[in-house]
């Protein structure tokens, strides 16, 4: 193994074949790589967060549709505010309903207060309590239809 000691001083540049990077060039290159890596890691973290929110929104929308269908199948008098879970199929989700009688000004239909209920359904993420998905639906009381007599 041979070791070469350069006879060049700092004031004299080395001959053409022995040129390398200066400390300043290396520091600039390392700084650019660090800035790039920090930017890429931040973008990756943001995309993971957006994917989690999208997954919650998609699942919550389907669960809300399922629960709204259940509410419309129930008897009008049994539609009351309550809470519950979606079972083992969706362990991270729960639901809450709030039921109100609509005011005349709210719907614009006079005399509809005895026939309609406004239901606010909220789907909750059990792990992340800040994530919610809320829908509003109106449940109508079933009325008996009288047979029409042909004229």
N, C-alpha and C. Protein backbone atom coordinates (compact mmCIF):
# COMPACT_ATOMS: atom_id res chain seq x y z
N UNK A 1 0.84 -1.15 0.00
CA UNK A 1 0.00 0.00 0.00
C UNK A 1 0.90 1.23 0.00
N UNK A 2 0.60 2.12 -0.87
CA UNK A 2 1.43 3.32 -0.94
C UNK A 2 0.62 4.51 -0.49
N UNK A 3 1.27 5.44 0.10
CA UNK A 3 0.63 6.64 0.58
C UNK A 3 1.32 7.83 -0.08
N UNK A 4 0.55 8.68 -0.64
CA UNK A 4 1.10 9.82 -1.33
C UNK A 4 0.86 11.08 -0.52
N UNK A 5 1.84 11.83 -0.31
CA UNK A 5 1.70 13.10 0.39
C UNK A 5 1.85 14.19 -0.64
N UNK A 6 0.87 15.04 -0.65
CA UNK A 6 0.87 16.13 -1.63
C UNK A 6 1.79 17.24 -1.19
N UNK A 7 2.49 17.78 -2.14
CA UNK A 7 3.42 18.86 -1.85
C UNK A 7 2.79 20.22 -2.12
N UNK A 8 1.49 20.24 -2.34
CA UNK A 8 0.83 21.50 -2.69
C UNK A 8 0.42 22.23 -1.43
N UNK A 9 0.50 23.50 -1.47
CA UNK A 9 0.03 24.32 -0.36
C UNK A 9 -1.39 24.76 -0.66
N UNK A 10 -2.05 25.38 0.31
CA UNK A 10 -3.43 25.83 0.12
C UNK A 10 -3.51 26.99 -0.85
N UNK A 11 -2.45 27.71 -1.00
CA UNK A 11 -2.49 28.85 -1.90
C UNK A 11 -2.31 28.44 -3.36
N UNK A 12 -1.66 27.35 -3.57
CA UNK A 12 -1.46 26.86 -4.94
C UNK A 12 -2.47 25.78 -5.25
N UNK A 13 -3.24 25.93 -6.32
CA UNK A 13 -4.18 24.88 -6.65
C UNK A 13 -3.46 23.61 -7.09
N UNK A 14 -4.07 22.44 -6.84
CA UNK A 14 -3.44 21.19 -7.25
C UNK A 14 -3.46 21.08 -8.78
N UNK A 15 -2.63 20.23 -9.32
CA UNK A 15 -2.64 20.04 -10.77
C UNK A 15 -3.99 19.51 -11.22
N UNK A 16 -4.27 19.57 -12.50
CA UNK A 16 -5.58 19.24 -13.05
C UNK A 16 -6.10 17.88 -12.64
N UNK A 17 -5.35 16.88 -12.59
CA UNK A 17 -5.83 15.54 -12.28
C UNK A 17 -6.16 15.31 -10.82
N UNK A 18 -5.76 16.18 -9.91
CA UNK A 18 -5.94 15.95 -8.49
C UNK A 18 -6.98 16.87 -7.86
N UNK A 19 -7.85 17.48 -8.65
CA UNK A 19 -8.84 18.39 -8.08
C UNK A 19 -9.98 17.61 -7.44
N UNK A 20 -10.54 18.09 -6.31
CA UNK A 20 -11.65 17.48 -5.61
C UNK A 20 -12.68 18.53 -5.24
N UNK A 21 -13.59 18.17 -4.33
CA UNK A 21 -14.61 19.11 -3.89
C UNK A 21 -14.09 19.91 -2.71
N UNK A 22 -14.49 21.14 -2.66
CA UNK A 22 -14.11 21.96 -1.51
C UNK A 22 -15.11 21.69 -0.39
N UNK A 23 -14.75 22.10 0.79
CA UNK A 23 -15.64 21.91 1.94
C UNK A 23 -16.96 22.65 1.73
N UNK A 24 -16.91 23.82 1.14
CA UNK A 24 -18.12 24.60 0.89
C UNK A 24 -19.05 23.86 -0.07
N UNK A 25 -18.53 23.27 -1.10
CA UNK A 25 -19.34 22.52 -2.06
C UNK A 25 -20.00 21.31 -1.40
N UNK A 26 -19.26 20.62 -0.55
CA UNK A 26 -19.81 19.46 0.15
C UNK A 26 -20.92 19.89 1.11
N UNK A 27 -20.71 21.00 1.81
CA UNK A 27 -21.73 21.48 2.75
C UNK A 27 -23.00 21.91 2.01
N UNK A 28 -22.88 22.54 0.87
CA UNK A 28 -24.05 22.93 0.08
C UNK A 28 -24.79 21.69 -0.42
N UNK A 29 -24.05 20.70 -0.87
CA UNK A 29 -24.69 19.47 -1.36
C UNK A 29 -25.44 18.76 -0.23
N UNK A 30 -24.83 18.68 0.94
CA UNK A 30 -25.49 18.04 2.09
C UNK A 30 -26.74 18.82 2.50
N UNK A 31 -26.68 20.15 2.47
CA UNK A 31 -27.83 20.97 2.82
C UNK A 31 -28.97 20.76 1.83
N UNK A 32 -28.66 20.69 0.54
CA UNK A 32 -29.70 20.45 -0.48
C UNK A 32 -30.35 19.08 -0.30
N UNK A 33 -29.54 18.09 0.00
CA UNK A 33 -30.09 16.74 0.23
C UNK A 33 -30.98 16.74 1.47
N UNK A 34 -30.56 17.43 2.53
CA UNK A 34 -31.37 17.48 3.76
C UNK A 34 -32.69 18.18 3.52
N UNK A 35 -32.68 19.30 2.79
CA UNK A 35 -33.92 20.01 2.49
C UNK A 35 -34.85 19.14 1.66
N UNK A 36 -34.32 18.43 0.70
CA UNK A 36 -35.12 17.54 -0.15
C UNK A 36 -35.74 16.42 0.67
N UNK A 37 -34.96 15.80 1.55
CA UNK A 37 -35.48 14.71 2.36
C UNK A 37 -36.58 15.18 3.32
N UNK A 38 -36.39 16.34 3.94
CA UNK A 38 -37.40 16.87 4.86
C UNK A 38 -38.70 17.15 4.10
N UNK A 39 -38.59 17.71 2.91
CA UNK A 39 -39.77 17.99 2.10
C UNK A 39 -40.49 16.71 1.71
N UNK A 40 -39.73 15.70 1.29
CA UNK A 40 -40.35 14.43 0.89
C UNK A 40 -41.01 13.72 2.07
N UNK A 41 -40.36 13.74 3.23
CA UNK A 41 -40.96 13.10 4.41
C UNK A 41 -42.23 13.82 4.85
N UNK A 42 -42.24 15.15 4.76
CA UNK A 42 -43.45 15.91 5.09
C UNK A 42 -44.59 15.60 4.14
N UNK A 43 -44.27 15.48 2.86
CA UNK A 43 -45.31 15.15 1.87
C UNK A 43 -45.85 13.74 2.11
N UNK A 44 -44.98 12.82 2.48
CA UNK A 44 -45.41 11.44 2.76
C UNK A 44 -46.33 11.40 3.98
N UNK A 45 -45.99 12.11 5.02
CA UNK A 45 -46.83 12.13 6.22
C UNK A 45 -48.19 12.74 5.92
N UNK A 46 -48.20 13.78 5.10
CA UNK A 46 -49.46 14.42 4.75
C UNK A 46 -50.32 13.48 3.91
N UNK A 47 -49.72 12.74 3.00
CA UNK A 47 -50.50 11.82 2.17
C UNK A 47 -51.08 10.67 3.00
N UNK A 48 -50.35 10.22 4.00
CA UNK A 48 -50.88 9.17 4.88
C UNK A 48 -52.08 9.71 5.67
N UNK A 49 -51.99 10.94 6.14
CA UNK A 49 -53.09 11.55 6.88
C UNK A 49 -54.32 11.73 5.99
N UNK A 50 -54.11 12.18 4.76
CA UNK A 50 -55.22 12.37 3.82
C UNK A 50 -55.87 11.03 3.50
N UNK A 51 -55.07 9.98 3.36
CA UNK A 51 -55.62 8.65 3.07
C UNK A 51 -56.48 8.16 4.23
N UNK A 52 -56.07 8.42 5.46
CA UNK A 52 -56.85 7.99 6.62
C UNK A 52 -58.19 8.73 6.68
N UNK A 53 -58.17 10.03 6.39
CA UNK A 53 -59.42 10.80 6.39
C UNK A 53 -60.34 10.32 5.27
N UNK A 54 -59.78 10.05 4.11
CA UNK A 54 -60.59 9.56 2.99
C UNK A 54 -61.21 8.20 3.30
N UNK A 55 -60.43 7.33 3.94
CA UNK A 55 -60.95 6.00 4.30
C UNK A 55 -62.10 6.15 5.30
N UNK A 56 -61.95 7.06 6.29
CA UNK A 56 -63.03 7.28 7.25
C UNK A 56 -64.27 7.81 6.55
N UNK A 57 -64.10 8.83 5.68
CA UNK A 57 -65.26 9.42 5.00
C UNK A 57 -66.00 8.40 4.15
N UNK A 58 -65.27 7.57 3.43
CA UNK A 58 -65.92 6.56 2.57
C UNK A 58 -66.68 5.54 3.41
N UNK A 59 -66.05 5.03 4.46
CA UNK A 59 -66.70 4.03 5.31
C UNK A 59 -67.88 4.64 6.06
N UNK A 60 -67.71 5.85 6.58
CA UNK A 60 -68.78 6.50 7.34
C UNK A 60 -69.98 6.80 6.44
N UNK A 61 -69.75 7.16 5.19
CA UNK A 61 -70.86 7.42 4.28
C UNK A 61 -71.67 6.15 4.03
N UNK A 62 -71.00 5.03 3.86
CA UNK A 62 -71.72 3.77 3.66
C UNK A 62 -72.48 3.34 4.92
N UNK A 63 -71.85 3.51 6.08
CA UNK A 63 -72.53 3.15 7.33
C UNK A 63 -73.72 4.08 7.59
N UNK A 64 -73.59 5.35 7.25
CA UNK A 64 -74.70 6.29 7.42
C UNK A 64 -75.86 5.91 6.51
N UNK A 65 -75.55 5.53 5.29
CA UNK A 65 -76.61 5.11 4.36
C UNK A 65 -77.34 3.88 4.91
N UNK A 66 -76.59 2.96 5.48
CA UNK A 66 -77.17 1.74 6.06
C UNK A 66 -78.07 2.11 7.24
N UNK A 67 -77.62 3.00 8.12
CA UNK A 67 -78.39 3.37 9.30
C UNK A 67 -79.63 4.19 8.93
N UNK A 68 -79.50 5.07 7.93
CA UNK A 68 -80.66 5.85 7.48
C UNK A 68 -81.74 4.91 6.93
N UNK A 69 -81.33 3.89 6.20
CA UNK A 69 -82.31 2.91 5.70
C UNK A 69 -83.01 2.21 6.85
N UNK A 70 -82.27 1.88 7.92
CA UNK A 70 -82.89 1.29 9.11
C UNK A 70 -83.89 2.24 9.75
N UNK A 71 -83.53 3.52 9.83
CA UNK A 71 -84.43 4.51 10.43
C UNK A 71 -85.73 4.63 9.65
N UNK A 72 -85.65 4.59 8.33
CA UNK A 72 -86.85 4.71 7.51
C UNK A 72 -87.74 3.46 7.58
N UNK A 73 -87.15 2.32 7.94
CA UNK A 73 -87.94 1.09 8.09
C UNK A 73 -88.64 1.01 9.45
N UNK A 74 -88.12 1.73 10.44
CA UNK A 74 -88.71 1.69 11.79
C UNK A 74 -90.08 2.36 11.79
N UNK A 75 -90.86 1.97 12.79
CA UNK A 75 -92.14 2.62 13.01
C UNK A 75 -91.89 4.07 13.43
N UNK A 76 -92.72 4.96 12.98
CA UNK A 76 -92.54 6.40 13.21
C UNK A 76 -92.37 6.73 14.69
N UNK A 77 -93.16 6.10 15.55
CA UNK A 77 -93.11 6.40 16.98
C UNK A 77 -91.83 5.86 17.64
N UNK A 78 -91.17 4.91 17.00
CA UNK A 78 -89.94 4.34 17.56
C UNK A 78 -88.69 5.10 17.14
N UNK A 79 -88.82 6.09 16.27
CA UNK A 79 -87.67 6.89 15.85
C UNK A 79 -87.42 7.94 16.93
N UNK A 80 -86.44 7.65 17.77
CA UNK A 80 -86.08 8.53 18.88
C UNK A 80 -84.55 8.67 18.90
N UNK A 81 -84.06 9.65 19.62
CA UNK A 81 -82.61 9.83 19.76
C UNK A 81 -82.00 8.67 20.51
N UNK A 82 -80.90 8.14 19.97
CA UNK A 82 -80.24 7.01 20.62
C UNK A 82 -78.79 6.92 20.12
N UNK A 83 -78.06 5.96 20.68
CA UNK A 83 -76.68 5.72 20.29
C UNK A 83 -76.47 4.22 20.11
N UNK A 84 -75.40 3.86 19.42
CA UNK A 84 -75.11 2.45 19.24
C UNK A 84 -73.80 2.24 18.48
N UNK A 85 -73.49 0.97 18.28
CA UNK A 85 -72.27 0.57 17.56
C UNK A 85 -72.67 -0.27 16.35
N UNK A 86 -71.76 -0.40 15.41
CA UNK A 86 -72.03 -1.18 14.21
C UNK A 86 -71.58 -2.63 14.33
N UNK A 87 -71.18 -3.03 15.51
CA UNK A 87 -70.86 -4.43 15.75
C UNK A 87 -69.44 -4.80 15.35
N UNK A 88 -69.22 -6.09 15.26
CA UNK A 88 -67.88 -6.62 14.97
C UNK A 88 -67.42 -6.33 13.55
N UNK A 89 -68.36 -6.08 12.64
CA UNK A 89 -67.97 -5.80 11.26
C UNK A 89 -67.23 -4.47 11.14
N UNK A 90 -67.61 -3.50 11.97
CA UNK A 90 -66.99 -2.18 11.96
C UNK A 90 -66.75 -1.74 13.40
N UNK A 91 -65.74 -2.33 14.05
CA UNK A 91 -65.54 -2.07 15.49
C UNK A 91 -65.11 -0.64 15.81
N UNK A 92 -64.55 0.08 14.88
CA UNK A 92 -64.06 1.43 15.17
C UNK A 92 -65.10 2.52 14.97
N UNK A 93 -66.36 2.14 14.71
CA UNK A 93 -67.38 3.13 14.40
C UNK A 93 -68.58 2.99 15.33
N UNK A 94 -69.15 4.14 15.71
CA UNK A 94 -70.40 4.16 16.47
C UNK A 94 -71.30 5.22 15.84
N UNK A 95 -72.57 5.24 16.26
CA UNK A 95 -73.52 6.21 15.72
C UNK A 95 -74.33 6.84 16.82
N UNK A 96 -74.87 8.02 16.51
CA UNK A 96 -75.71 8.75 17.46
C UNK A 96 -76.80 9.44 16.64
N UNK A 97 -78.06 9.34 17.10
CA UNK A 97 -79.15 10.05 16.42
C UNK A 97 -79.76 11.07 17.37
N UNK A 98 -80.11 12.21 16.80
CA UNK A 98 -80.84 13.25 17.50
C UNK A 98 -82.09 13.53 16.69
N UNK A 99 -83.25 13.49 17.34
CA UNK A 99 -84.53 13.62 16.65
C UNK A 99 -85.23 14.89 17.13
N UNK A 100 -85.71 15.68 16.18
CA UNK A 100 -86.45 16.90 16.50
C UNK A 100 -87.71 16.96 15.66
N UNK A 101 -88.68 17.66 16.20
CA UNK A 101 -89.88 17.97 15.43
C UNK A 101 -89.56 19.19 14.57
N UNK A 102 -89.88 19.17 13.30
CA UNK A 102 -89.56 20.33 12.47
C UNK A 102 -90.50 21.49 12.76
N UNK A 103 -89.96 22.68 12.73
CA UNK A 103 -90.79 23.87 12.88
C UNK A 103 -91.41 24.21 11.53
N UNK A 104 -92.48 24.98 11.56
CA UNK A 104 -93.14 25.35 10.30
C UNK A 104 -92.21 26.10 9.37
N UNK A 105 -91.39 26.97 9.91
CA UNK A 105 -90.48 27.75 9.09
C UNK A 105 -89.31 26.94 8.55
N UNK A 106 -88.99 25.85 9.23
CA UNK A 106 -87.82 25.07 8.83
C UNK A 106 -88.05 24.33 7.51
N UNK A 107 -89.22 23.75 7.34
CA UNK A 107 -89.51 22.98 6.13
C UNK A 107 -90.35 23.75 5.12
N UNK A 108 -91.08 24.72 5.60
CA UNK A 108 -91.95 25.46 4.70
C UNK A 108 -93.25 24.73 4.40
N UNK A 109 -93.58 23.73 5.21
CA UNK A 109 -94.81 22.96 5.02
C UNK A 109 -95.68 23.15 6.26
N UNK A 110 -96.84 23.74 6.07
CA UNK A 110 -97.73 23.98 7.21
C UNK A 110 -98.42 22.68 7.61
N UNK A 111 -98.50 22.46 8.91
CA UNK A 111 -99.20 21.29 9.43
C UNK A 111 -98.43 19.99 9.30
N UNK A 112 -97.15 20.05 8.99
CA UNK A 112 -96.37 18.83 8.80
C UNK A 112 -95.71 18.35 10.09
N UNK A 113 -95.82 19.12 11.16
CA UNK A 113 -95.14 18.78 12.41
C UNK A 113 -95.56 17.45 12.99
N UNK A 114 -96.81 17.02 12.78
CA UNK A 114 -97.28 15.75 13.32
C UNK A 114 -96.92 14.58 12.42
N UNK A 115 -96.49 14.85 11.20
CA UNK A 115 -96.20 13.78 10.25
C UNK A 115 -94.71 13.56 9.98
N UNK A 116 -93.88 14.52 10.39
CA UNK A 116 -92.46 14.47 10.04
C UNK A 116 -91.58 14.59 11.27
N UNK A 117 -90.42 13.94 11.21
CA UNK A 117 -89.37 14.10 12.22
C UNK A 117 -88.06 14.36 11.49
N UNK A 118 -87.29 15.30 12.01
CA UNK A 118 -85.96 15.58 11.46
C UNK A 118 -84.95 14.79 12.29
N UNK A 119 -84.16 13.95 11.62
CA UNK A 119 -83.20 13.09 12.29
C UNK A 119 -81.79 13.48 11.85
N UNK A 120 -80.95 13.83 12.82
CA UNK A 120 -79.52 14.07 12.57
C UNK A 120 -78.76 12.82 13.01
N UNK A 121 -78.10 12.17 12.06
CA UNK A 121 -77.33 10.96 12.33
C UNK A 121 -75.85 11.31 12.24
N UNK A 122 -75.12 10.99 13.32
CA UNK A 122 -73.69 11.26 13.35
C UNK A 122 -72.94 9.94 13.48
N UNK A 123 -72.00 9.71 12.57
CA UNK A 123 -71.12 8.54 12.63
C UNK A 123 -69.83 9.01 13.29
N UNK A 124 -69.39 8.29 14.32
CA UNK A 124 -68.21 8.66 15.10
C UNK A 124 -67.10 7.64 14.91
N UNK A 125 -65.86 8.12 14.86
CA UNK A 125 -64.69 7.25 14.84
C UNK A 125 -64.28 7.01 16.28
N UNK A 126 -64.30 5.75 16.72
CA UNK A 126 -64.03 5.44 18.12
C UNK A 126 -62.58 5.75 18.50
N UNK A 127 -61.66 5.62 17.55
CA UNK A 127 -60.25 5.88 17.87
C UNK A 127 -59.94 7.36 17.83
N UNK A 128 -60.48 8.06 16.85
CA UNK A 128 -60.18 9.48 16.65
C UNK A 128 -61.48 10.24 16.89
N UNK A 129 -61.73 10.69 18.10
CA UNK A 129 -63.00 11.31 18.48
C UNK A 129 -63.30 12.60 17.70
N UNK A 130 -62.30 13.18 17.06
CA UNK A 130 -62.54 14.43 16.34
C UNK A 130 -63.15 14.17 14.96
N UNK A 131 -63.08 12.95 14.47
CA UNK A 131 -63.64 12.65 13.16
C UNK A 131 -65.11 12.26 13.30
N UNK A 132 -65.96 13.02 12.64
CA UNK A 132 -67.39 12.71 12.62
C UNK A 132 -67.92 12.90 11.21
N UNK A 133 -69.02 12.23 10.94
CA UNK A 133 -69.71 12.34 9.65
C UNK A 133 -71.19 12.46 9.99
N UNK A 134 -71.81 13.58 9.62
CA UNK A 134 -73.20 13.83 10.01
C UNK A 134 -74.08 13.99 8.78
N UNK A 135 -75.24 13.33 8.81
CA UNK A 135 -76.24 13.49 7.76
C UNK A 135 -77.57 13.83 8.43
N UNK A 136 -78.42 14.49 7.67
CA UNK A 136 -79.75 14.84 8.15
C UNK A 136 -80.77 14.21 7.21
N UNK A 137 -81.77 13.60 7.80
CA UNK A 137 -82.84 13.01 7.01
C UNK A 137 -84.17 13.35 7.66
N UNK A 138 -85.23 13.18 6.91
CA UNK A 138 -86.57 13.44 7.42
C UNK A 138 -87.35 12.13 7.33
N UNK A 139 -87.94 11.75 8.45
CA UNK A 139 -88.74 10.52 8.50
C UNK A 139 -90.20 10.92 8.51
N UNK A 140 -90.98 10.28 7.65
CA UNK A 140 -92.40 10.60 7.53
C UNK A 140 -93.25 9.50 8.15
N UNK A 141 -94.31 9.91 8.82
CA UNK A 141 -95.24 8.96 9.42
C UNK A 141 -96.05 8.31 8.31
N UNK A 142 -96.15 7.00 8.39
CA UNK A 142 -96.96 6.29 7.40
C UNK A 142 -98.44 6.52 7.70
N UNK A 143 -99.16 6.84 6.67
CA UNK A 143 -100.59 7.04 6.83
C UNK A 143 -101.32 5.92 6.12
N UNK A 144 -102.48 5.60 6.64
CA UNK A 144 -103.29 4.58 5.99
C UNK A 144 -103.94 5.18 4.78
N UNK A 145 -103.83 4.47 3.69
CA UNK A 145 -104.44 4.97 2.47
C UNK A 145 -105.84 4.38 2.35
N UNK A 146 -106.78 5.26 2.04
CA UNK A 146 -108.14 4.80 1.84
C UNK A 146 -108.26 4.33 0.40
N UNK A 147 -108.96 3.23 0.21
CA UNK A 147 -109.13 2.75 -1.17
C UNK A 147 -109.92 3.76 -1.99
N UNK A 148 -109.47 3.95 -3.20
CA UNK A 148 -110.16 4.89 -4.09
C UNK A 148 -111.33 4.17 -4.75
N UNK A 149 -112.42 4.86 -4.78
CA UNK A 149 -113.58 4.31 -5.47
C UNK A 149 -113.56 4.80 -6.90
N UNK A 150 -113.69 3.87 -7.82
CA UNK A 150 -113.73 4.25 -9.23
C UNK A 150 -115.05 4.97 -9.51
N UNK A 151 -114.97 5.97 -10.32
CA UNK A 151 -116.16 6.76 -10.60
C UNK A 151 -116.91 6.25 -11.76
